[in-house]
PDB file of N, CA and C in Angstrom:
ATOM      1  N   MET A   1       0.661  71.437  58.670  1.00  0.00           N
ATOM      2  CA  MET A   1       1.246  70.680  57.598  1.00  0.00           C
ATOM      3  C   MET A   1       0.659  70.848  56.168  1.00  0.00           C
ATOM      4  N   THR A   2       1.510  70.246  55.448  1.00  0.00           N
ATOM      5  CA  THR A   2       1.447  70.870  53.779  1.00  0.00           C
ATOM      6  C   THR A   2       0.201  69.606  54.139  1.00  0.00           C
ATOM      7  N   ARG A   3      -0.835  69.903  52.009  1.00  0.00           N
ATOM      8  CA  ARG A   3      -1.428  68.760  51.566  1.00  0.00           C
ATOM      9  C   ARG A   3      -0.516  67.774  51.277  1.00  0.00           C
ATOM     10  N   HIS A   4       0.773  67.706  50.697  1.00  0.00           N
ATOM     11  CA  HIS A   4       1.875  66.471  49.972  1.00  0.00           C
ATOM     12  C   HIS A   4       1.658  65.913  51.759  1.00  0.00           C
ATOM     13  N   THR A   5       2.195  65.712  52.261  1.00  0.00           N
ATOM     14  CA  THR A   5       2.261  65.254  53.520  1.00  0.00           C
ATOM     15  C   THR A   5       1.057  65.122  54.391  1.00  0.00           C
ATOM     16  N   PHE A   6      -0.834  65.602  54.850  1.00  0.00           N
ATOM     17  CA  PHE A   6      -1.017  65.013  54.905  1.00  0.00           C
ATOM     18  C   PHE A   6      -1.707  63.984  53.998  1.00  0.00           C
ATOM     19  N   GLY A   7      -1.418  64.087  52.293  1.00  0.00           N
ATOM     20  CA  GLY A   7      -2.262  63.341  51.694  1.00  0.00           C
ATOM     21  C   GLY A   7      -1.976  62.002  51.653  1.00  0.00           C
ATOM     22  N   SER A   8      -0.223  62.227  51.769  1.00  0.00           N
ATOM     23  CA  SER A   8       0.078  60.795  51.954  1.00  0.00           C
ATOM     24  C   SER A   8      -0.145  60.114  53.362  1.00  0.00           C
ATOM     25  N   ARG A   9      -0.257  61.305  54.878  1.00  0.00           N
ATOM     26  CA  ARG A   9      -0.138  59.693  56.083  1.00  0.00           C
ATOM     27  C   ARG A   9      -1.338  59.746  56.231  1.00  0.00           C
ATOM     28  N   TYR A  10      -2.945  60.150  55.644  1.00  0.00           N
ATOM     29  CA  TYR A  10      -4.104  59.749  55.150  1.00  0.00           C
ATOM     30  C   TYR A  10      -4.120  58.569  54.973  1.00  0.00           C
ATOM     31  N   VAL A  11      -3.085  58.363  53.199  1.00  0.00           N
ATOM     32  CA  VAL A  11      -3.143  57.015  52.672  1.00  0.00           C
ATOM     33  C   VAL A  11      -2.774  55.823  53.977  1.00  0.00           C
ATOM     34  N   GLU A  12      -1.455  56.324  54.228  1.00  0.00           N
ATOM     35  CA  GLU A  12      -0.542  55.345  54.821  1.00  0.00           C
ATOM     36  C   GLU A  12      -1.384  54.372  55.544  1.00  0.00           C
ATOM     37  N   VAL A  13      -2.355  55.456  56.534  1.00  0.00           N
ATOM     38  CA  VAL A  13      -3.048  55.352  58.177  1.00  0.00           C
ATOM     39  C   VAL A  13      -4.300  54.394  57.830  1.00  0.00           C
ATOM     40  N   GLY A  14      -4.665  53.842  55.688  1.00  0.00           N
ATOM     41  CA  GLY A  14      -5.933  53.581  55.957  1.00  0.00           C
ATOM     42  C   GLY A  14      -6.439  54.288  55.370  1.00  0.00           C
ATOM     43  N   GLY A  15      -6.474  55.538  54.644  1.00  0.00           N
ATOM     44  CA  GLY A  15      -7.521  56.567  53.889  1.00  0.00           C
ATOM     45  C   GLY A  15      -7.685  55.775  52.979  1.00  0.00           C
ATOM     46  N   GLU A  16      -9.256  56.279  52.388  1.00  0.00           N
ATOM     47  CA  GLU A  16      -9.346  55.580  51.094  1.00  0.00           C
ATOM     48  C   GLU A  16      -9.310  57.029  49.982  1.00  0.00           C
ATOM     49  N   LEU A  17      -8.622  56.430  49.631  1.00  0.00           N
ATOM     50  CA  LEU A  17      -8.139  57.838  48.330  1.00  0.00           C
ATOM     51  C   LEU A  17      -9.364  58.331  47.722  1.00  0.00           C
ATOM     52  N   THR A  18     -10.177  57.829  47.338  1.00  0.00           N
ATOM     53  CA  THR A  18     -11.505  58.830  46.707  1.00  0.00           C
ATOM     54  C   THR A  18     -12.029  59.376  47.886  1.00  0.00           C
ATOM     55  N   HIS A  19     -12.209  58.720  49.330  1.00  0.00           N
ATOM     56  CA  HIS A  19     -12.441  60.169  50.389  1.00  0.00           C
ATOM     57  C   HIS A  19     -11.452  61.199  50.375  1.00  0.00           C
ATOM     58  N   LEU A  20     -10.450  61.252  49.861  1.00  0.00           N
ATOM     59  CA  LEU A  20      -9.329  62.034  50.099  1.00  0.00           C
ATOM     60  C   LEU A  20      -9.227  62.880  49.182  1.00  0.00           C
ATOM     61  N   GLN A  21     -10.023  61.880  47.883  1.00  0.00           N
ATOM     62  CA  GLN A  21     -10.195  63.544  46.864  1.00  0.00           C
ATOM     63  C   GLN A  21     -11.244  64.498  47.151  1.00  0.00           C
ATOM     64  N   GLN A  22     -12.082  63.755  47.942  1.00  0.00           N
ATOM     65  CA  GLN A  22     -13.483  64.605  48.259  1.00  0.00           C
ATOM     66  C   GLN A  22     -12.982  65.955  49.105  1.00  0.00           C
ATOM     67  N   ILE A  23     -12.001  64.887  50.382  1.00  0.00           N
ATOM     68  CA  ILE A  23     -11.355  65.918  51.510  1.00  0.00           C
ATOM     69  C   ILE A  23     -10.618  67.309  50.692  1.00  0.00           C
ATOM     70  N   MET A  24     -10.241  67.229  49.541  1.00  0.00           N
ATOM     71  CA  MET A  24      -9.003  67.990  49.160  1.00  0.00           C
ATOM     72  C   MET A  24     -10.080  69.352  48.108  1.00  0.00           C
ATOM     73  N   GLY A  25     -11.206  68.016  47.857  1.00  0.00           N
ATOM     74  CA  GLY A  25     -12.102  69.254  46.565  1.00  0.00           C
ATOM     75  C   GLY A  25     -11.702  68.828  45.227  1.00  0.00           C
ATOM     76  N   HIS A  26     -10.783  67.539  45.383  1.00  0.00           N
ATOM     77  CA  HIS A  26     -10.685  67.279  43.122  1.00  0.00           C
ATOM     78  C   HIS A  26     -11.392  66.833  42.653  1.00  0.00           C
ATOM     79  N   GLU A  27     -11.957  67.374  41.392  1.00  0.00           N
ATOM     80  CA  GLU A  27     -12.521  67.038  40.947  1.00  0.00           C
ATOM     81  C   GLU A  27     -11.878  65.484  39.969  1.00  0.00           C
ATOM     82  N   SER A  28     -10.438  65.736  39.709  1.00  0.00           N
ATOM     83  CA  SER A  28      -9.804  64.483  39.177  1.00  0.00           C
ATOM     84  C   SER A  28      -9.061  63.292  40.232  1.00  0.00           C
ATOM     85  N   ILE A  29      -9.018  62.245  39.792  1.00  0.00           N
ATOM     86  CA  ILE A  29      -8.526  61.397  41.295  1.00  0.00           C
ATOM     87  C   ILE A  29      -6.920  61.660  41.164  1.00  0.00           C
ATOM     88  N   THR A  30      -6.842  61.415  39.954  1.00  0.00           N
ATOM     89  CA  THR A  30      -5.375  61.800  39.251  1.00  0.00           C
ATOM     90  C   THR A  30      -5.169  62.855  40.064  1.00  0.00           C
ATOM     91  N   THR A  31      -5.469  63.996  40.212  1.00  0.00           N
ATOM     92  CA  THR A  31      -4.879  64.643  40.785  1.00  0.00           C
ATOM     93  C   THR A  31      -4.673  64.893  42.552  1.00  0.00           C
ATOM     94  N   THR A  32      -5.203  63.956  42.889  1.00  0.00           N
ATOM     95  CA  THR A  32      -4.858  63.675  44.403  1.00  0.00           C
ATOM     96  C   THR A  32      -3.922  62.083  44.474  1.00  0.00           C
ATOM     97  N   GLN A  33      -3.905  61.845  43.294  1.00  0.00           N
ATOM     98  CA  GLN A  33      -2.981  61.245  43.543  1.00  0.00           C
ATOM     99  C   GLN A  33      -0.830  61.406  43.487  1.00  0.00           C
ATOM    100  N   ILE A  34      -1.372  62.966  42.952  1.00  0.00           N
ATOM    101  CA  ILE A  34      -0.197  63.418  43.461  1.00  0.00           C
ATOM    102  C   ILE A  34       0.398  63.792  44.491  1.00  0.00           C
ATOM    103  N   TYR A  35      -0.813  63.736  45.414  1.00  0.00           N
ATOM    104  CA  TYR A  35      -0.880  64.835  47.049  1.00  0.00           C
ATOM    105  C   TYR A  35      -0.422  63.064  47.170  1.00  0.00           C
ATOM    106  N   ALA A  36      -1.030  62.178  47.179  1.00  0.00           N
ATOM    107  CA  ALA A  36      -0.752  61.143  48.252  1.00  0.00           C
ATOM    108  C   ALA A  36      -0.288  60.078  47.765  1.00  0.00           C
ATOM    109  N   ARG A  37       1.464  60.461  48.009  1.00  0.00           N
ATOM    110  CA  ARG A  37       2.165  59.240  47.483  1.00  0.00           C
ATOM    111  C   ARG A  37       2.897  58.483  47.997  1.00  0.00           C
ATOM    112  N   PRO A  38       3.358  57.303  47.957  1.00  0.00           N
ATOM    113  CA  PRO A  38       3.509  56.007  49.238  1.00  0.00           C
ATOM    114  C   PRO A  38       4.825  56.316  49.215  1.00  0.00           C
ATOM    115  N   ASN A  39       4.923  55.898  50.441  1.00  0.00           N
ATOM    116  CA  ASN A  39       6.320  55.932  51.140  1.00  0.00           C
ATOM    117  C   ASN A  39       7.121  54.596  50.855  1.00  0.00           C
ATOM    118  N   GLU A  40       8.278  54.328  50.364  1.00  0.00           N
ATOM    119  CA  GLU A  40       9.161  53.414  50.331  1.00  0.00           C
ATOM    120  C   GLU A  40       9.051  52.463  51.575  1.00  0.00           C
ATOM    121  N   LYS A  41       8.558  52.671  52.917  1.00  0.00           N
ATOM    122  CA  LYS A  41       8.128  52.008  53.776  1.00  0.00           C
ATOM    123  C   LYS A  41       7.166  50.460  53.962  1.00  0.00           C
ATOM    124  N   ALA A  42       6.082  51.084  53.169  1.00  0.00           N
ATOM    125  CA  ALA A  42       4.725  51.167  53.097  1.00  0.00           C
ATOM    126  C   ALA A  42       4.990  50.817  51.858  1.00  0.00           C
ATOM    127  N   ILE A  43       5.799  50.620  51.174  1.00  0.00           N
ATOM    128  CA  ILE A  43       5.754  49.640  49.677  1.00  0.00           C
ATOM    129  C   ILE A  43       6.446  48.849  49.954  1.00  0.00           C
ATOM    130  N   ARG A  44       6.962  48.625  50.019  1.00  0.00           N
ATOM    131  CA  ARG A  44       8.253  47.650  51.271  1.00  0.00           C
ATOM    132  C   ARG A  44       7.203  46.123  51.976  1.00  0.00           C
ATOM    133  N   ALA A  45       6.658  46.841  52.869  1.00  0.00           N
ATOM    134  CA  ALA A  45       5.206  46.204  53.605  1.00  0.00           C
ATOM    135  C   ALA A  45       4.337  45.805  52.930  1.00  0.00           C
ATOM    136  N   ASP A  46       4.288  46.386  51.705  1.00  0.00           N
ATOM    137  CA  ASP A  46       2.571  45.948  51.087  1.00  0.00           C
ATOM    138  C   ASP A  46       3.175  44.751  50.437  1.00  0.00           C
ATOM    139  N   ALA A  47       4.774  44.582  49.807  1.00  0.00           N
ATOM    140  CA  ALA A  47       5.067  43.928  48.984  1.00  0.00           C
ATOM    141  C   ALA A  47       5.171  42.578  49.746  1.00  0.00           C
ATOM    142  N   GLN A  48       6.327  43.002  51.018  1.00  0.00           N
ATOM    143  CA  GLN A  48       6.036  41.798  51.755  1.00  0.00           C
ATOM    144  C   GLN A  48       4.641  40.640  52.280  1.00  0.00           C
ATOM    145  N   ARG A  49       3.504  41.427  52.232  1.00  0.00           N
ATOM    146  CA  ARG A  49       2.315  40.988  52.519  1.00  0.00           C
ATOM    147  C   ARG A  49       1.753  39.914  51.180  1.00  0.00           C
ATOM    148  N   VAL A  50       2.020  41.075  50.107  1.00  0.00           N
ATOM    149  CA  VAL A  50       1.862  39.863  48.458  1.00  0.00           C
ATOM    150  C   VAL A  50       2.384  38.606  48.583  1.00  0.00           C
ATOM    151  N   TYR A  51       4.174  38.275  49.269  1.00  0.00           N
ATOM    152  CA  TYR A  51       4.413  37.855  49.007  1.00  0.00           C
ATOM    153  C   TYR A  51       4.863  36.118  50.542  1.00  0.00           C
ATOM    154  N   ALA A  52       3.658  36.675  51.231  1.00  0.00           N
ATOM    155  CA  ALA A  52       3.580  35.930  52.089  1.00  0.00           C
ATOM    156  C   ALA A  52       2.424  35.215  51.514  1.00  0.00           C
ATOM    157  N   VAL A  53       1.316  35.916  51.474  1.00  0.00           N
ATOM    158  CA  VAL A  53      -0.350  35.392  50.928  1.00  0.00           C
ATOM    159  C   VAL A  53       0.406  34.271  49.338  1.00  0.00           C
ATOM    160  N   GLN A  54       1.272  34.591  48.539  1.00  0.00           N
ATOM    161  CA  GLN A  54       2.091  33.910  47.251  1.00  0.00           C
ATOM    162  C   GLN A  54       2.280  32.536  47.557  1.00  0.00           C
ATOM    163  N   GLU A  55       3.310  32.710  49.135  1.00  0.00           N
ATOM    164  CA  GLU A  55       3.700  31.361  49.512  1.00  0.00           C
ATOM    165  C   GLU A  55       2.552  30.708  50.011  1.00  0.00           C
ATOM    166  N   ALA A  56       1.990  31.032  50.985  1.00  0.00           N
ATOM    167  CA  ALA A  56       1.242  30.335  52.132  1.00  0.00           C
ATOM    168  C   ALA A  56       0.005  29.614  50.728  1.00  0.00           C
ATOM    169  N   ARG A  57      -0.146  30.171  49.832  1.00  0.00           N
ATOM    170  CA  ARG A  57      -1.226  29.916  49.007  1.00  0.00           C
ATOM    171  C   ARG A  57      -0.367  28.458  48.236  1.00  0.00           C
ATOM    172  N   SER A  58       0.773  28.477  47.725  1.00  0.00           N
ATOM    173  CA  SER A  58       1.536  27.659  47.168  1.00  0.00           C
ATOM    174  C   SER A  58       2.211  27.080  47.909  1.00  0.00           C
ATOM    175  N   GLN A  59       2.146  26.939  49.568  1.00  0.00           N
ATOM    176  CA  GLN A  59       2.808  25.653  51.056  1.00  0.00           C
ATOM    177  C   GLN A  59       1.094  24.774  50.486  1.00  0.00           C
ATOM    178  N   SER A  60      -0.098  25.875  50.248  1.00  0.00           N
ATOM    179  CA  SER A  60      -1.182  24.451  50.899  1.00  0.00           C
ATOM    180  C   SER A  60      -1.736  24.205  49.323  1.00  0.00           C
ATOM    181  N   ASN A  61      -1.180  24.495  48.190  1.00  0.00           N
ATOM    182  CA  ASN A  61      -1.546  23.950  46.979  1.00  0.00           C
ATOM    183  C   ASN A  61      -0.632  22.409  47.086  1.00  0.00           C
ATOM    184  N   SER A  62       1.242  22.719  47.488  1.00  0.00           N
ATOM    185  CA  SER A  62       1.893  21.407  47.094  1.00  0.00           C
ATOM    186  C   SER A  62       0.965  19.960  48.309  1.00  0.00           C
ATOM    187  N   ARG A  63       0.088  20.463  49.306  1.00  0.00           N
ATOM    188  CA  ARG A  63      -0.114  19.816  50.423  1.00  0.00           C
ATOM    189  C   ARG A  63      -1.440  19.078  49.858  1.00  0.00           C
ATOM    190  N   SER A  64      -1.971  18.810  48.861  1.00  0.00           N
ATOM    191  CA  SER A  64      -2.965  18.708  47.965  1.00  0.00           C
ATOM    192  C   SER A  64      -3.384  17.372  47.041  1.00  0.00           C
TER     193      SER A  64
END
């Protein structure tokens, strides 16, 4: 498994970026971010979660 694949999968399953930084031995978190690229599916899922939370808050506020 390549470093890029490992880094991306580690973050996808919920691993902390700072922990990945330590595992990979990087001094800079910026270097670690290069190896932990999110995939399109994960980005869409995150956006949908944010939208759902905003919708729920909006509905809750309109009932008050």
